[in-house]
């Protein structure tokens, strides 16, 4: 009975989520686009992750997010390399390597794909007047085809700023990994905060 109830609610869930995304995703992108300091830290966060992936390889799972006073990096990384990667990333951005400000795994790309899915889904829903599996599949295919490209464009022009001439790295803070056993530390849970200052 529970499964049947969820299946019956599925069209409403997709519709509600799509309409919600049509409103919230552009608002979030605009909020970031209007905050130069956040965009600069977002670019430096990406540059740091790109440098770390040059050291470790692209298969290393690293995540991050920017704030106005710096950015976080999470993942299994040698703490000594975070400071080096952030400073190398900053100097390479200053040297004109603006491509480092773009990262294919950025949440902006995911948001772009979700937004495209939502637009296509709502257009199909209103155009054809009913919900069906084909609409969902077509919306997913289009979102996956266009999402990564549009996400990189959004990063380049809206959510990052490679103009970091007035950014300075102040310090690096990190939380120690939680102990998994008596002697084993879980470095996968390490979180680093790279504090920056705009001068």
Foldseek 3Di string as FASTA:
>chain_A
DVVVVVVVCVVVVLLVLLVVLLPPLVVVLQVQQVQQLQQAQLLLVLQLVVQVCVVVNPVFDWDKHTDNFHIKIAFQDDVVVSVVSSVVSLVVLVVPPSVSSFDLPDVLLVSQLSNQLSVQLVCCCVVVVDDDPVSNVVSNVVSVVCSSVVSRVSSDNTRHDSPCPQKDFDDKDKDFFDDPDDPDGDSGGIMMTTGMDGD
